[in-house]
Amino acid sequence: MRRLVRAVMVSLAALAAAGAARAADGPSLVVSLRPSASAPAGAPLRLADVAELSGPDAERAGAVEVGRAPAPGRGATLGADAVRRRLAQSGWAVEATTFEGAPAVALTGDAQPIDAAAARNAVLALLPPDSSRGAARLVDFAVPDRALVPAGQCAYGARKPGGGLRPGESSIPVVVRCGGAEMVVAARAKFVVDAVVVVATRDVEKGAAVRDGDLKLETRELAARDRWLRDLPAPEGLVARAALRAGQPVPTGAVARASAVEPGQSVRADVQSGGVLLSLSTVARGRGEVGAIIPVTGFDGHRVVRARVVAPGRVALLGSDPLESVVAPRGAEDRP
């Protein structure tokens, strides 16, 4: 028993001696916080950026990230307790660290004005290449007044908005990367598209035939909602579905091939009844080429029946023996 007590006492004495030796050697790290520090706005802050360090582990501890610099034009405070927590989270032995200096560091994010020319070039890079069908242009561009970005060498990029690039004004996200910091600035841009469109050379009324030379191709500036015809159609059999005005672009769908039968046209309707073929006059209620099935006015002048277009201005009633089998329900709508 005495031998066991003696061994324990010897061990305790050795531990005490080791502790005294370490105390004599001093702490492994001394952190002396500066009263203030600055770094490029948004950039990571290392311990060496905010404190003077000494001790055997000073170099290794200096690389520990303890926060980030505040946004451009703003300030922040980094306290000693926050630094201790960061060191502990990094696996550092805080009990072997001595803190001195200021109780907190006043932080400033170094900033510089945004480079508007570099931002504009980044937006220009978004434009598609010119083609024979047209070209997009940036006609107006602006960044927010007094916009600041992190100090230092910066790289500029831009992202397309969610709906893509369209004619007219848009808000374009400009991405600025400076060292380890990144921020997004909303720039205002106005785009126009110069496109080749079909233009009328003379006035053509609705329903009139479109002759050779009535249409031509021109380059025009498009607005966001413009829907103009882009390809020049051959004039044969072409009619105006809407009035065309000289010098004005032709809307999509404003010209089309003439159908064998047009709505409101008086047509001859063939009807088979009891082995007898009758040909009577009626009115088409829809448009169709040869072979198409369209609605026509029934012979009572009120009901709507179905007929197949067999030739220009001529139709054949379907299921015409008996006639009642082709009568549509009352109130049937006309097809456009």
Protein backbone atom coordinates (compact mmCIF):
# COMPACT_ATOMS: atom_id res chain seq x y z
CA MET A 1 0.00 0.00 0.00
CA ARG A 2 2.79 2.39 0.88
CA ARG A 3 4.47 1.62 -2.43
CA LEU A 4 1.25 2.49 -4.35
CA VAL A 5 0.86 5.81 -2.51
CA ARG A 6 4.48 6.62 -3.18
CA ALA A 7 4.03 5.92 -6.96
CA VAL A 8 0.97 8.17 -7.18
CA MET A 9 2.78 10.99 -5.42
CA VAL A 10 5.69 10.68 -7.84
CA SER A 11 3.34 10.87 -10.86
CA LEU A 12 1.59 13.95 -9.54
CA ALA A 13 4.89 15.62 -8.94
CA ALA A 14 5.96 14.87 -12.52
CA LEU A 15 2.76 16.37 -13.92
CA ALA A 16 3.17 19.49 -11.80
CA ALA A 17 6.73 19.85 -13.01
CA ALA A 18 5.63 19.52 -16.66
CA GLY A 19 2.92 22.15 -16.17
CA ALA A 20 5.41 24.48 -14.57
CA ALA A 21 7.76 23.97 -17.47
CA ARG A 22 5.03 24.81 -19.97
CA ALA A 23 4.07 27.89 -17.99
CA ALA A 24 7.69 28.95 -17.99
CA ASP A 25 7.85 28.49 -21.76
CA GLY A 26 4.72 30.68 -22.20
CA PRO A 27 1.51 30.07 -24.22
CA SER A 28 1.71 28.53 -27.68
CA LEU A 29 -0.17 31.50 -29.17
CA VAL A 30 -0.67 35.14 -28.19
CA VAL A 31 -3.45 37.02 -30.03
CA SER A 32 -3.34 40.81 -29.79
CA LEU A 33 -6.46 42.19 -31.50
CA ARG A 34 -6.07 45.41 -33.45
CA PRO A 35 -8.56 48.22 -32.76
CA SER A 36 -9.47 48.35 -36.47
CA ALA A 37 -8.88 46.48 -39.70
CA SER A 38 -9.97 46.68 -43.32
CA ALA A 39 -10.17 44.29 -46.26
CA PRO A 40 -11.89 44.21 -49.66
CA ALA A 41 -15.63 44.23 -49.03
CA GLY A 42 -17.05 40.73 -48.67
CA ALA A 43 -13.63 39.08 -48.70
CA PRO A 44 -12.71 36.38 -46.13
CA LEU A 45 -10.83 37.63 -43.03
CA ARG A 46 -7.97 35.61 -41.57
CA LEU A 47 -6.83 35.93 -37.99
CA ALA A 48 -3.63 37.57 -39.23
CA ASP A 49 -5.77 40.31 -40.84
CA VAL A 50 -7.26 41.45 -37.53
CA ALA A 51 -4.56 40.69 -34.93
CA GLU A 52 -0.86 40.69 -34.19
CA LEU A 53 0.23 37.10 -33.47
CA SER A 54 3.19 35.69 -31.62
CA GLY A 55 4.24 32.32 -30.28
CA PRO A 56 5.28 29.00 -31.82
CA ASP A 57 1.89 28.49 -33.53
CA ALA A 58 1.47 32.05 -34.81
CA GLU A 59 1.99 31.29 -38.50
CA ARG A 60 -0.43 28.36 -38.54
CA ALA A 61 -3.06 30.24 -36.54
CA GLY A 62 -2.84 33.27 -38.82
CA ALA A 63 -4.52 31.33 -41.64
CA VAL A 64 -7.68 30.57 -39.64
CA GLU A 65 -10.72 32.33 -41.15
CA VAL A 66 -12.54 34.38 -38.53
CA GLY A 67 -15.20 36.11 -40.66
CA ARG A 68 -15.76 38.29 -43.70
CA ALA A 69 -15.28 41.96 -44.37
CA PRO A 70 -18.55 43.96 -44.40
CA ALA A 71 -20.32 45.00 -47.60
CA PRO A 72 -19.03 48.02 -49.55
CA GLY A 73 -19.52 51.26 -47.62
CA ARG A 74 -20.56 49.50 -44.40
CA GLY A 75 -18.88 48.69 -41.08
CA ALA A 76 -18.98 45.81 -38.58
CA THR A 77 -17.41 44.73 -35.28
CA LEU A 78 -15.54 41.51 -34.55
CA GLY A 79 -15.24 40.81 -30.80
CA ALA A 80 -12.67 38.71 -28.95
CA ASP A 81 -15.32 36.14 -28.00
CA ALA A 82 -16.20 35.63 -31.65
CA VAL A 83 -12.51 35.07 -32.44
CA ARG A 84 -12.27 32.48 -29.63
CA ARG A 85 -15.28 30.62 -31.01
CA ARG A 86 -13.80 30.58 -34.53
CA LEU A 87 -10.54 29.19 -33.21
CA ALA A 88 -12.34 26.52 -31.20
CA GLN A 89 -14.45 25.55 -34.24
CA SER A 90 -11.20 25.15 -36.18
CA GLY A 91 -9.94 22.66 -33.58
CA TRP A 92 -7.59 25.10 -31.90
CA ALA A 93 -6.63 24.64 -28.22
CA VAL A 94 -8.06 27.91 -26.92
CA GLU A 95 -6.82 27.18 -23.40
CA ALA A 96 -3.27 27.44 -24.74
CA THR A 97 -4.02 30.86 -26.25
CA THR A 98 -3.65 34.25 -24.62
CA PHE A 99 -5.75 37.21 -25.84
CA GLU A 100 -4.50 40.76 -25.57
CA GLY A 101 -5.12 44.10 -27.23
CA ALA A 102 -8.49 45.61 -28.10
CA PRO A 103 -11.69 43.90 -26.91
CA ALA A 104 -13.11 44.17 -30.44
CA VAL A 105 -11.99 45.04 -33.97
CA ALA A 106 -13.83 47.72 -35.97
CA LEU A 107 -14.04 46.32 -39.53
CA THR A 108 -14.29 48.28 -42.77
CA GLY A 109 -15.02 46.82 -46.21
CA ASP A 110 -12.71 48.46 -48.73
CA ALA A 111 -14.68 49.44 -51.84
CA GLN A 112 -14.38 51.16 -55.18
CA PRO A 113 -16.91 52.49 -57.72
CA ILE A 114 -18.24 49.90 -60.13
CA ASP A 115 -16.54 49.91 -63.52
CA ALA A 116 -19.52 50.81 -65.75
CA ALA A 117 -17.58 50.12 -68.96
CA ALA A 118 -16.60 46.62 -67.80
CA ALA A 119 -20.20 45.95 -66.72
CA ARG A 120 -21.49 47.08 -70.12
CA ASN A 121 -19.02 44.81 -71.94
CA ALA A 122 -20.24 41.89 -69.82
CA VAL A 123 -23.83 42.57 -70.90
CA LEU A 124 -22.81 42.92 -74.55
CA ALA A 125 -21.32 39.42 -74.35
CA LEU A 126 -24.84 38.09 -73.77
CA LEU A 127 -26.10 39.23 -77.19
CA PRO A 128 -26.48 36.54 -79.87
CA PRO A 129 -24.32 36.88 -82.98
CA ASP A 130 -25.74 38.78 -85.96
CA SER A 131 -27.41 36.73 -88.69
CA SER A 132 -28.99 37.34 -92.07
CA ARG A 133 -32.37 37.56 -90.30
CA GLY A 134 -31.40 40.36 -87.96
CA ALA A 135 -29.20 41.67 -85.18
CA ALA A 136 -29.67 42.65 -81.54
CA ARG A 137 -28.23 45.93 -80.22
CA LEU A 138 -27.70 47.46 -76.78
CA VAL A 139 -28.86 51.07 -77.09
CA ASP A 140 -28.95 52.18 -73.46
CA PHE A 141 -27.17 50.97 -70.32
CA ALA A 142 -26.81 52.21 -66.75
CA VAL A 143 -25.61 50.92 -63.38
CA PRO A 144 -27.01 52.26 -60.09
CA ASP A 145 -25.68 55.66 -59.05
CA ARG A 146 -22.75 55.47 -56.61
CA ALA A 147 -22.71 51.67 -56.81
CA LEU A 148 -19.68 50.23 -54.98
CA VAL A 149 -17.89 46.90 -55.42
CA PRO A 150 -15.05 45.29 -53.41
CA ALA A 151 -11.66 46.94 -53.81
CA GLY A 152 -8.99 45.30 -55.95
CA GLN A 153 -8.81 43.61 -59.33
CA CYS A 154 -12.31 42.54 -60.39
CA ALA A 155 -13.75 40.28 -63.07
CA TYR A 156 -17.14 41.18 -64.56
CA GLY A 157 -19.80 38.86 -65.92
CA ALA A 158 -23.54 39.00 -66.59
CA ARG A 159 -26.49 36.63 -66.46
CA LYS A 160 -29.53 36.50 -68.71
CA PRO A 161 -32.77 37.35 -66.90
CA GLY A 162 -35.27 34.57 -66.30
CA GLY A 163 -37.33 35.35 -69.39
CA GLY A 164 -34.25 35.71 -71.63
CA LEU A 165 -33.20 38.79 -73.57
CA ARG A 166 -36.11 40.67 -75.16
CA PRO A 167 -36.48 43.94 -77.04
CA GLY A 168 -37.11 46.82 -74.65
CA GLU A 169 -35.82 47.58 -71.16
CA SER A 170 -34.58 44.79 -68.88
CA SER A 171 -32.88 44.42 -65.51
CA ILE A 172 -29.65 42.47 -66.05
CA PRO A 173 -27.72 40.90 -63.13
CA VAL A 174 -24.05 41.92 -63.39
CA VAL A 175 -21.77 39.63 -61.37
CA VAL A 176 -18.60 41.24 -59.95
CA ARG A 177 -15.88 38.96 -58.55
CA CYS A 178 -13.01 40.61 -56.69
CA GLY A 179 -10.57 38.21 -55.06
CA GLY A 180 -12.59 35.99 -52.74
CA ALA A 181 -15.63 38.31 -52.79
CA GLU A 182 -18.59 38.25 -55.15
CA MET A 183 -21.56 40.54 -55.48
CA VAL A 184 -24.41 41.07 -57.94
CA VAL A 185 -25.44 44.51 -59.19
CA ALA A 186 -28.73 45.03 -61.07
CA ALA A 187 -28.02 47.06 -64.22
CA ARG A 188 -30.63 48.58 -66.51
CA ALA A 189 -30.31 47.76 -70.20
CA LYS A 190 -32.39 48.52 -73.28
CA PHE A 191 -32.15 46.24 -76.29
CA VAL A 192 -33.50 46.61 -79.81
CA VAL A 193 -33.62 44.01 -82.55
CA ASP A 194 -33.12 44.97 -86.19
CA ALA A 195 -34.88 42.19 -88.10
CA VAL A 196 -35.80 41.48 -91.70
CA VAL A 197 -39.61 41.60 -91.99
CA VAL A 198 -42.22 41.62 -94.75
CA VAL A 199 -43.55 45.11 -95.61
CA ALA A 200 -46.51 46.06 -97.83
CA THR A 201 -45.68 48.25 -100.83
CA ARG A 202 -49.32 49.40 -101.34
CA ASP A 203 -52.64 49.37 -99.55
CA VAL A 204 -54.45 46.03 -99.88
CA GLU A 205 -57.96 45.71 -98.46
CA LYS A 206 -59.10 42.69 -96.49
CA GLY A 207 -60.13 39.85 -98.80
CA ALA A 208 -58.36 41.29 -101.85
CA ALA A 209 -55.79 39.34 -103.80
CA VAL A 210 -52.13 40.03 -103.06
CA ARG A 211 -50.29 40.57 -106.34
CA ASP A 212 -46.66 40.16 -107.28
CA GLY A 213 -44.72 43.17 -105.93
CA ASP A 214 -47.23 44.01 -103.20
CA LEU A 215 -44.81 42.72 -100.54
CA LYS A 216 -41.07 43.19 -99.98
CA LEU A 217 -38.42 42.53 -97.31
CA GLU A 218 -37.00 45.37 -95.20
CA THR A 219 -34.94 45.66 -92.03
CA ARG A 220 -37.00 47.19 -89.22
CA GLU A 221 -36.55 47.73 -85.50
CA LEU A 222 -38.79 45.33 -83.57
CA ALA A 223 -40.58 46.13 -80.33
CA ALA A 224 -41.12 43.56 -77.59
CA ARG A 225 -44.59 42.48 -78.73
CA ASP A 226 -44.19 42.80 -82.50
CA ARG A 227 -45.25 39.71 -84.44
CA TRP A 228 -44.38 40.47 -88.03
CA LEU A 229 -44.16 38.11 -91.01
CA ARG A 230 -40.48 37.25 -91.49
CA ASP A 231 -40.49 35.27 -94.77
CA LEU A 232 -41.66 36.60 -98.12
CA PRO A 233 -44.42 34.31 -99.48
CA ALA A 234 -44.98 33.55 -103.15
CA PRO A 235 -47.87 35.69 -104.44
CA GLU A 236 -49.77 32.93 -106.26
CA GLY A 237 -53.19 32.46 -104.69
CA LEU A 238 -52.42 34.86 -101.84
CA VAL A 239 -55.19 36.97 -100.27
CA ALA A 240 -55.19 39.53 -97.46
CA ARG A 241 -56.83 38.22 -94.29
CA ALA A 242 -56.48 41.73 -92.81
CA ALA A 243 -56.04 45.15 -94.40
CA LEU A 244 -52.43 45.90 -95.39
CA ARG A 245 -51.05 49.45 -95.38
CA ALA A 246 -48.24 50.70 -97.60
CA GLY A 247 -44.90 50.94 -95.81
CA GLN A 248 -46.12 48.99 -92.76
CA PRO A 249 -44.87 45.55 -91.66
CA VAL A 250 -47.28 42.70 -92.36
CA PRO A 251 -48.52 40.96 -89.18
CA THR A 252 -48.25 37.19 -88.92
CA GLY A 253 -51.40 35.63 -90.37
CA ALA A 254 -52.41 38.77 -92.29
CA VAL A 255 -51.90 37.01 -95.65
CA ALA A 256 -52.71 33.42 -96.59
CA ARG A 257 -53.48 31.19 -99.53
CA ALA A 258 -57.01 31.61 -100.84
CA SER A 259 -59.20 28.71 -99.76
CA ALA A 260 -61.53 26.91 -102.13
CA VAL A 261 -64.35 28.18 -99.93
CA GLU A 262 -64.39 31.27 -97.71
CA PRO A 263 -66.73 32.12 -94.79
CA GLY A 264 -69.86 33.94 -96.02
CA GLN A 265 -69.30 32.81 -99.60
CA SER A 266 -72.31 31.67 -101.60
CA VAL A 267 -71.66 28.06 -102.67
CA ARG A 268 -73.43 25.31 -104.61
CA ALA A 269 -74.29 22.38 -102.35
CA ASP A 270 -74.84 18.91 -103.82
CA VAL A 271 -77.25 16.71 -101.89
CA GLN A 272 -78.25 13.10 -102.57
CA SER A 273 -81.83 12.23 -101.63
CA GLY A 274 -83.74 9.10 -102.69
CA GLY A 275 -81.42 8.46 -105.60
CA VAL A 276 -81.83 12.01 -106.82
CA LEU A 277 -78.86 14.44 -106.91
CA LEU A 278 -79.87 18.01 -106.15
CA SER A 279 -77.65 21.09 -106.38
CA LEU A 280 -78.87 24.00 -104.30
CA SER A 281 -77.42 27.35 -103.24
CA THR A 282 -76.34 27.93 -99.64
CA VAL A 283 -73.80 29.93 -97.63
CA ALA A 284 -70.45 28.64 -96.29
CA ARG A 285 -69.96 29.15 -92.56
CA GLY A 286 -66.26 28.21 -92.56
CA ARG A 287 -63.11 28.20 -94.64
CA GLY A 288 -61.55 25.15 -96.29
CA GLU A 289 -59.45 23.70 -99.06
CA VAL A 290 -60.70 20.94 -101.34
CA GLY A 291 -61.39 17.85 -99.20
CA ALA A 292 -61.97 19.80 -95.98
CA ILE A 293 -65.21 19.45 -94.04
CA ILE A 294 -66.82 22.79 -93.21
CA PRO A 295 -70.13 24.02 -91.75
CA VAL A 296 -72.70 25.48 -94.15
CA THR A 297 -76.15 26.96 -93.65
CA GLY A 298 -78.94 24.39 -93.89
CA PHE A 299 -81.60 24.72 -96.52
CA ASP A 300 -84.06 26.02 -93.92
CA GLY A 301 -81.78 29.05 -93.53
CA HIS A 302 -81.22 28.49 -89.81
CA ARG A 303 -79.58 25.20 -89.01
CA VAL A 304 -75.96 24.31 -89.65
CA VAL A 305 -75.01 21.18 -91.60
CA ARG A 306 -71.65 19.68 -92.52
CA ALA A 307 -70.34 19.50 -96.04
CA ARG A 308 -67.17 18.44 -97.82
CA VAL A 309 -65.47 20.95 -100.16
CA VAL A 310 -65.29 19.27 -103.58
CA ALA A 311 -64.20 22.22 -105.75
CA PRO A 312 -63.83 25.99 -105.47
CA GLY A 313 -67.28 27.33 -104.55
CA ARG A 314 -68.85 23.86 -104.43
CA VAL A 315 -69.59 21.47 -101.53
CA ALA A 316 -71.31 18.12 -101.00
CA LEU A 317 -73.46 17.59 -97.93
CA LEU A 318 -72.48 14.64 -95.77
CA GLY A 319 -74.92 11.80 -95.03
CA SER A 320 -77.58 13.58 -97.04
CA ASP A 321 -79.98 10.60 -97.16
CA PRO A 322 -81.87 11.44 -95.00
CA LEU A 323 -80.98 15.12 -94.55
CA GLU A 324 -81.71 15.03 -90.81
CA SER A 325 -78.63 12.87 -90.20
CA VAL A 326 -76.34 15.79 -90.97
CA VAL A 327 -78.17 18.49 -89.06
CA ALA A 328 -76.00 19.85 -86.28
CA PRO A 329 -77.51 20.60 -82.85
CA ARG A 330 -79.27 23.92 -82.56
CA GLY A 331 -76.93 26.70 -81.44
CA ALA A 332 -73.86 25.15 -83.05
CA GLU A 333 -71.08 27.73 -83.39
CA ASP A 334 -69.52 28.70 -86.67
CA ARG A 335 -65.94 27.67 -87.15
CA PRO A 336 -63.58 30.55 -87.72
